[in-house]
Amino acid sequence: MFRNLLKRFRWIIVGISRGARAIGNCYLEAGCTQAEIRAVNLLKEWLSPEQLAQYESYRYFDVIGGQSGKRYRIRYGTSMNICEIDSRGRTIEGLCFAPNEILVAADVMLTQKIDWKPTNVACWQ
């Protein structure tokens, strides 16, 4: 019995050392629908390596506004998930970007990333 317990403990330690983020993402995606999983995979393909690391660690990523040069943080969600941040990562102002139809969060986030990057025009504020 002690050997079985020791083997399980070793497996847990090995799993943690191989990547706690991967385990966490599998846990978060375990209850997702196929549409959500596909949307998350597509979002990850569009993210830069830095943004991908942020997303996998914190479920958000930062973008720079194309015209203003301001930094914005896009958090996991479908509305009220964008905020302008300062150089220290503190929220300056929250912004609302909500789709007209029901979409999964990763699809909304990808749309926000693509649309935000080249032009963050006044209609977003």
N, C-alpha and C. Protein backbone atom coordinates (compact mmCIF):
# COMPACT_ATOMS: atom_id res chain seq x y z
N MET A 1 0.82 -1.18 0.00
CA MET A 1 0.00 0.00 0.00
C MET A 1 0.87 1.26 0.00
N PHE A 2 1.93 1.23 0.80
CA PHE A 2 2.82 2.38 0.86
C PHE A 2 3.49 2.61 -0.49
N ARG A 3 3.85 1.53 -1.19
CA ARG A 3 4.48 1.66 -2.52
C ARG A 3 3.53 2.30 -3.52
N ASN A 4 2.27 1.91 -3.47
CA ASN A 4 1.28 2.52 -4.37
C ASN A 4 1.13 4.01 -4.09
N LEU A 5 1.10 4.34 -2.83
CA LEU A 5 0.98 5.75 -2.44
C LEU A 5 2.21 6.53 -2.90
N LEU A 6 3.38 5.94 -2.75
CA LEU A 6 4.62 6.57 -3.17
C LEU A 6 4.65 6.76 -4.69
N LYS A 7 4.18 5.77 -5.44
CA LYS A 7 4.12 5.88 -6.90
C LYS A 7 3.19 7.00 -7.32
N ARG A 8 2.05 7.11 -6.66
CA ARG A 8 1.11 8.19 -6.98
C ARG A 8 1.71 9.56 -6.67
N PHE A 9 2.39 9.65 -5.56
CA PHE A 9 3.02 10.90 -5.18
C PHE A 9 4.09 11.29 -6.21
N ARG A 10 4.90 10.34 -6.63
CA ARG A 10 5.93 10.61 -7.65
C ARG A 10 5.28 11.07 -8.95
N TRP A 11 4.19 10.43 -9.34
CA TRP A 11 3.50 10.81 -10.57
C TRP A 11 3.01 12.25 -10.49
N ILE A 12 2.50 12.65 -9.34
CA ILE A 12 2.03 14.02 -9.16
C ILE A 12 3.19 15.00 -9.28
N ILE A 13 4.31 14.68 -8.66
CA ILE A 13 5.48 15.57 -8.72
C ILE A 13 5.99 15.68 -10.16
N VAL A 14 6.05 14.58 -10.87
CA VAL A 14 6.50 14.60 -12.27
C VAL A 14 5.55 15.43 -13.12
N GLY A 15 4.26 15.25 -12.90
CA GLY A 15 3.27 16.03 -13.65
C GLY A 15 3.42 17.52 -13.42
N ILE A 16 3.65 17.90 -12.17
CA ILE A 16 3.82 19.32 -11.85
C ILE A 16 5.08 19.86 -12.49
N SER A 17 6.16 19.10 -12.45
CA SER A 17 7.42 19.58 -13.01
C SER A 17 7.37 19.69 -14.54
N ARG A 18 6.52 18.91 -15.18
CA ARG A 18 6.39 18.98 -16.65
C ARG A 18 5.57 20.17 -17.11
N GLY A 19 4.83 20.76 -16.25
CA GLY A 19 4.08 21.95 -16.66
C GLY A 19 2.75 22.08 -15.96
N ALA A 20 2.73 22.84 -14.91
CA ALA A 20 1.48 23.05 -14.19
C ALA A 20 0.47 23.79 -15.05
N ARG A 21 0.95 24.63 -15.94
CA ARG A 21 0.03 25.36 -16.82
C ARG A 21 -0.74 24.42 -17.73
N ALA A 22 -0.06 23.42 -18.26
CA ALA A 22 -0.74 22.47 -19.15
C ALA A 22 -1.82 21.71 -18.39
N ILE A 23 -1.53 21.33 -17.17
CA ILE A 23 -2.52 20.63 -16.35
C ILE A 23 -3.71 21.55 -16.08
N GLY A 24 -3.40 22.80 -15.73
CA GLY A 24 -4.47 23.76 -15.46
C GLY A 24 -5.35 24.00 -16.67
N ASN A 25 -4.73 24.11 -17.85
CA ASN A 25 -5.52 24.33 -19.07
C ASN A 25 -6.39 23.13 -19.39
N CYS A 26 -5.88 21.93 -19.18
CA CYS A 26 -6.70 20.73 -19.41
C CYS A 26 -7.89 20.72 -18.46
N TYR A 27 -7.65 21.10 -17.23
CA TYR A 27 -8.73 21.15 -16.25
C TYR A 27 -9.78 22.17 -16.67
N LEU A 28 -9.33 23.36 -17.10
CA LEU A 28 -10.27 24.40 -17.50
C LEU A 28 -11.06 24.01 -18.74
N GLU A 29 -10.41 23.28 -19.66
CA GLU A 29 -11.07 22.91 -20.90
C GLU A 29 -11.87 21.62 -20.78
N ALA A 30 -11.79 20.93 -19.65
CA ALA A 30 -12.48 19.65 -19.50
C ALA A 30 -13.99 19.79 -19.62
N GLY A 31 -14.55 20.89 -19.15
CA GLY A 31 -15.98 21.08 -19.20
C GLY A 31 -16.44 21.88 -20.40
N CYS A 32 -15.54 22.14 -21.34
CA CYS A 32 -15.86 22.97 -22.50
C CYS A 32 -16.55 22.16 -23.60
N THR A 33 -17.33 22.85 -24.41
CA THR A 33 -17.93 22.23 -25.58
C THR A 33 -16.88 22.16 -26.69
N GLN A 34 -17.18 21.42 -27.74
CA GLN A 34 -16.26 21.33 -28.87
C GLN A 34 -16.04 22.70 -29.51
N ALA A 35 -17.10 23.52 -29.57
CA ALA A 35 -16.96 24.86 -30.15
C ALA A 35 -15.99 25.71 -29.32
N GLU A 36 -16.07 25.59 -28.01
CA GLU A 36 -15.17 26.35 -27.15
C GLU A 36 -13.73 25.89 -27.30
N ILE A 37 -13.52 24.59 -27.40
CA ILE A 37 -12.17 24.06 -27.56
C ILE A 37 -11.58 24.51 -28.89
N ARG A 38 -12.38 24.45 -29.97
CA ARG A 38 -11.90 24.92 -31.28
C ARG A 38 -11.58 26.41 -31.25
N ALA A 39 -12.42 27.18 -30.58
CA ALA A 39 -12.21 28.63 -30.50
C ALA A 39 -10.93 28.94 -29.72
N VAL A 40 -10.69 28.24 -28.63
CA VAL A 40 -9.47 28.46 -27.85
C VAL A 40 -8.24 28.10 -28.68
N ASN A 41 -8.30 27.00 -29.41
CA ASN A 41 -7.17 26.60 -30.25
C ASN A 41 -6.90 27.63 -31.34
N LEU A 42 -7.95 28.16 -31.95
CA LEU A 42 -7.78 29.19 -32.97
C LEU A 42 -7.20 30.46 -32.36
N LEU A 43 -7.69 30.86 -31.21
CA LEU A 43 -7.15 32.03 -30.53
C LEU A 43 -5.66 31.86 -30.27
N LYS A 44 -5.26 30.70 -29.77
CA LYS A 44 -3.85 30.45 -29.45
C LYS A 44 -2.98 30.54 -30.70
N GLU A 45 -3.51 30.13 -31.86
CA GLU A 45 -2.75 30.23 -33.11
C GLU A 45 -2.47 31.68 -33.50
N TRP A 46 -3.36 32.59 -33.14
CA TRP A 46 -3.25 34.00 -33.50
C TRP A 46 -2.41 34.80 -32.52
N LEU A 47 -2.14 34.27 -31.35
CA LEU A 47 -1.41 35.02 -30.33
C LEU A 47 0.09 34.94 -30.58
N SER A 48 0.79 36.03 -30.26
CA SER A 48 2.25 36.01 -30.32
C SER A 48 2.76 35.13 -29.18
N PRO A 49 4.03 34.73 -29.21
CA PRO A 49 4.55 33.90 -28.12
C PRO A 49 4.37 34.54 -26.73
N GLU A 50 4.57 35.86 -26.65
CA GLU A 50 4.41 36.55 -25.37
C GLU A 50 2.94 36.54 -24.93
N GLN A 51 2.05 36.80 -25.88
CA GLN A 51 0.62 36.80 -25.56
C GLN A 51 0.15 35.40 -25.18
N LEU A 52 0.66 34.39 -25.86
CA LEU A 52 0.29 33.02 -25.55
C LEU A 52 0.72 32.65 -24.13
N ALA A 53 1.93 33.04 -23.77
CA ALA A 53 2.41 32.77 -22.41
C ALA A 53 1.53 33.47 -21.38
N GLN A 54 1.15 34.72 -21.66
CA GLN A 54 0.25 35.44 -20.75
C GLN A 54 -1.08 34.72 -20.65
N TYR A 55 -1.65 34.35 -21.79
CA TYR A 55 -2.96 33.71 -21.80
C TYR A 55 -2.94 32.39 -21.03
N GLU A 56 -1.93 31.59 -21.26
CA GLU A 56 -1.87 30.29 -20.60
C GLU A 56 -1.63 30.42 -19.10
N SER A 57 -0.97 31.48 -18.68
CA SER A 57 -0.71 31.68 -17.26
C SER A 57 -1.86 32.38 -16.54
N TYR A 58 -2.44 33.40 -17.18
CA TYR A 58 -3.38 34.27 -16.48
C TYR A 58 -4.77 34.37 -17.12
N ARG A 59 -4.98 33.76 -18.28
CA ARG A 59 -6.25 33.83 -19.02
C ARG A 59 -6.53 35.25 -19.53
N TYR A 60 -5.48 36.01 -19.81
CA TYR A 60 -5.59 37.30 -20.48
C TYR A 60 -4.33 37.53 -21.29
N PHE A 61 -4.37 38.53 -22.17
CA PHE A 61 -3.17 38.94 -22.91
C PHE A 61 -3.28 40.43 -23.19
N ASP A 62 -2.13 41.05 -23.42
CA ASP A 62 -2.06 42.49 -23.66
C ASP A 62 -1.89 42.77 -25.14
N VAL A 63 -2.49 43.88 -25.59
CA VAL A 63 -2.31 44.37 -26.96
C VAL A 63 -1.98 45.86 -26.88
N ILE A 64 -1.35 46.36 -27.93
CA ILE A 64 -1.03 47.78 -28.04
C ILE A 64 -1.95 48.38 -29.09
N GLY A 65 -2.62 49.47 -28.75
CA GLY A 65 -3.51 50.14 -29.69
C GLY A 65 -2.72 50.68 -30.88
N GLY A 66 -3.23 50.46 -32.09
CA GLY A 66 -2.52 50.84 -33.30
C GLY A 66 -2.31 52.33 -33.45
N GLN A 67 -3.30 53.13 -33.15
CA GLN A 67 -3.18 54.57 -33.31
C GLN A 67 -2.70 55.26 -32.04
N SER A 68 -3.17 54.82 -30.91
CA SER A 68 -2.86 55.52 -29.66
C SER A 68 -1.55 55.06 -29.01
N GLY A 69 -1.16 53.82 -29.28
CA GLY A 69 0.01 53.27 -28.61
C GLY A 69 -0.25 52.87 -27.17
N LYS A 70 -1.49 52.96 -26.72
CA LYS A 70 -1.85 52.59 -25.35
C LYS A 70 -1.91 51.07 -25.22
N ARG A 71 -1.70 50.60 -24.01
CA ARG A 71 -1.76 49.16 -23.72
C ARG A 71 -3.15 48.81 -23.21
N TYR A 72 -3.65 47.69 -23.73
CA TYR A 72 -4.97 47.19 -23.32
C TYR A 72 -4.82 45.73 -22.94
N ARG A 73 -5.59 45.31 -21.97
CA ARG A 73 -5.60 43.91 -21.53
C ARG A 73 -6.95 43.31 -21.89
N ILE A 74 -6.90 42.19 -22.61
CA ILE A 74 -8.11 41.46 -22.99
C ILE A 74 -8.17 40.22 -22.11
N ARG A 75 -9.17 40.18 -21.25
CA ARG A 75 -9.36 39.06 -20.32
C ARG A 75 -10.35 38.05 -20.91
N TYR A 76 -10.30 36.84 -20.41
CA TYR A 76 -11.21 35.80 -20.86
C TYR A 76 -12.64 36.23 -20.56
N GLY A 77 -13.48 36.31 -21.59
CA GLY A 77 -14.86 36.70 -21.40
C GLY A 77 -15.46 37.21 -22.70
N THR A 78 -16.74 37.55 -22.65
CA THR A 78 -17.45 37.97 -23.86
C THR A 78 -17.84 39.44 -23.85
N SER A 79 -17.81 40.10 -22.70
CA SER A 79 -18.09 41.53 -22.63
C SER A 79 -17.47 42.10 -21.36
N MET A 80 -17.24 43.40 -21.35
CA MET A 80 -16.60 44.07 -20.22
C MET A 80 -15.29 43.40 -19.86
N ASN A 81 -14.56 42.92 -20.85
CA ASN A 81 -13.33 42.18 -20.60
C ASN A 81 -12.08 42.88 -21.12
N ILE A 82 -12.21 44.15 -21.52
CA ILE A 82 -11.06 44.91 -22.00
C ILE A 82 -10.84 46.08 -21.07
N CYS A 83 -9.58 46.32 -20.71
CA CYS A 83 -9.28 47.50 -19.92
C CYS A 83 -7.96 48.10 -20.39
N GLU A 84 -7.91 49.42 -20.33
CA GLU A 84 -6.66 50.12 -20.61
C GLU A 84 -5.79 49.99 -19.37
N ILE A 85 -4.51 49.71 -19.56
CA ILE A 85 -3.61 49.53 -18.42
C ILE A 85 -2.42 50.47 -18.54
N ASP A 86 -1.85 50.80 -17.39
CA ASP A 86 -0.66 51.66 -17.39
C ASP A 86 0.60 50.80 -17.49
N SER A 87 1.75 51.43 -17.38
CA SER A 87 3.03 50.72 -17.53
C SER A 87 3.26 49.67 -16.44
N ARG A 88 2.56 49.79 -15.32
CA ARG A 88 2.69 48.83 -14.23
C ARG A 88 1.64 47.73 -14.28
N GLY A 89 0.76 47.77 -15.29
CA GLY A 89 -0.28 46.76 -15.42
C GLY A 89 -1.54 47.06 -14.63
N ARG A 90 -1.65 48.28 -14.10
CA ARG A 90 -2.84 48.66 -13.34
C ARG A 90 -3.92 49.18 -14.29
N THR A 91 -5.16 48.89 -13.95
CA THR A 91 -6.28 49.31 -14.77
C THR A 91 -6.48 50.82 -14.70
N ILE A 92 -6.59 51.44 -15.88
CA ILE A 92 -6.90 52.86 -15.97
C ILE A 92 -8.38 53.04 -16.25
N GLU A 93 -8.87 52.27 -17.23
CA GLU A 93 -10.26 52.42 -17.65
C GLU A 93 -10.76 51.10 -18.22
N GLY A 94 -11.96 50.72 -17.86
CA GLY A 94 -12.58 49.52 -18.42
C GLY A 94 -13.40 49.89 -19.65
N LEU A 95 -13.37 49.01 -20.65
CA LEU A 95 -14.08 49.25 -21.90
C LEU A 95 -15.00 48.08 -22.20
N CYS A 96 -16.06 48.35 -22.93
CA CYS A 96 -17.04 47.32 -23.24
C CYS A 96 -17.04 47.04 -24.74
N PHE A 97 -16.92 45.79 -25.09
CA PHE A 97 -16.98 45.31 -26.46
C PHE A 97 -17.82 44.04 -26.39
N ALA A 98 -19.05 44.10 -26.85
CA ALA A 98 -19.94 42.95 -26.74
C ALA A 98 -20.52 42.60 -28.10
N PRO A 99 -20.52 41.33 -28.46
CA PRO A 99 -21.11 40.93 -29.74
C PRO A 99 -22.64 41.00 -29.70
N ASN A 100 -23.23 41.08 -30.89
CA ASN A 100 -24.69 41.11 -30.99
C ASN A 100 -25.30 39.72 -30.81
N GLU A 101 -24.51 38.69 -31.05
CA GLU A 101 -25.00 37.32 -30.96
C GLU A 101 -24.23 36.57 -29.87
N ILE A 102 -24.72 35.41 -29.52
CA ILE A 102 -24.04 34.59 -28.51
C ILE A 102 -22.86 33.88 -29.17
N LEU A 103 -21.68 34.14 -28.64
CA LEU A 103 -20.45 33.51 -29.13
C LEU A 103 -19.66 33.00 -27.93
N VAL A 104 -18.78 32.04 -28.19
CA VAL A 104 -17.91 31.57 -27.12
C VAL A 104 -16.84 32.63 -26.84
N ALA A 105 -16.34 32.65 -25.63
CA ALA A 105 -15.43 33.70 -25.19
C ALA A 105 -14.18 33.82 -26.05
N ALA A 106 -13.57 32.70 -26.43
CA ALA A 106 -12.33 32.77 -27.21
C ALA A 106 -12.57 33.39 -28.58
N ASP A 107 -13.74 33.17 -29.20
CA ASP A 107 -14.05 33.81 -30.48
C ASP A 107 -14.17 35.32 -30.31
N VAL A 108 -14.79 35.75 -29.23
CA VAL A 108 -14.93 37.18 -28.95
C VAL A 108 -13.55 37.78 -28.72
N MET A 109 -12.71 37.10 -27.95
CA MET A 109 -11.38 37.61 -27.66
C MET A 109 -10.53 37.72 -28.93
N LEU A 110 -10.65 36.76 -29.83
CA LEU A 110 -9.90 36.82 -31.08
C LEU A 110 -10.36 38.00 -31.93
N THR A 111 -11.66 38.21 -31.98
CA THR A 111 -12.19 39.36 -32.71
C THR A 111 -11.68 40.66 -32.10
N GLN A 112 -11.67 40.73 -30.79
CA GLN A 112 -11.17 41.92 -30.12
C GLN A 112 -9.70 42.15 -30.43
N LYS A 113 -8.91 41.10 -30.41
CA LYS A 113 -7.48 41.22 -30.70
C LYS A 113 -7.26 41.71 -32.12
N ILE A 114 -7.92 41.09 -33.08
CA ILE A 114 -7.74 41.46 -34.49
C ILE A 114 -8.21 42.88 -34.73
N ASP A 115 -9.36 43.23 -34.18
CA ASP A 115 -9.93 44.55 -34.43
C ASP A 115 -9.20 45.64 -33.66
N TRP A 116 -8.66 45.32 -32.52
CA TRP A 116 -8.01 46.32 -31.69
C TRP A 116 -6.65 46.71 -32.22
N LYS A 117 -5.93 45.75 -32.76
CA LYS A 117 -4.53 45.95 -33.12
C LYS A 117 -4.32 47.10 -34.11
N PRO A 118 -4.96 47.09 -35.29
CA PRO A 118 -4.62 48.13 -36.26
C PRO A 118 -5.20 49.50 -35.93
N THR A 119 -6.39 49.55 -35.41
CA THR A 119 -7.03 50.84 -35.13
C THR A 119 -7.88 50.72 -33.90
N ASN A 120 -7.57 51.45 -32.88
CA ASN A 120 -8.49 51.49 -31.75
C ASN A 120 -9.18 52.84 -31.82
N VAL A 121 -10.22 52.88 -32.60
CA VAL A 121 -10.92 54.13 -32.86
C VAL A 121 -11.84 54.50 -31.71
N ALA A 122 -12.35 55.71 -31.76
CA ALA A 122 -13.16 56.23 -30.66
C ALA A 122 -14.43 55.43 -30.43
N CYS A 123 -14.92 54.69 -31.42
CA CYS A 123 -16.16 53.95 -31.24
C CYS A 123 -16.04 52.86 -30.19
N TRP A 124 -14.82 52.45 -29.85
CA TRP A 124 -14.65 51.43 -28.83
C TRP A 124 -14.82 51.98 -27.44
N GLN A 125 -14.73 53.30 -27.28
CA GLN A 125 -14.73 53.85 -25.93
C GLN A 125 -16.06 54.31 -25.49
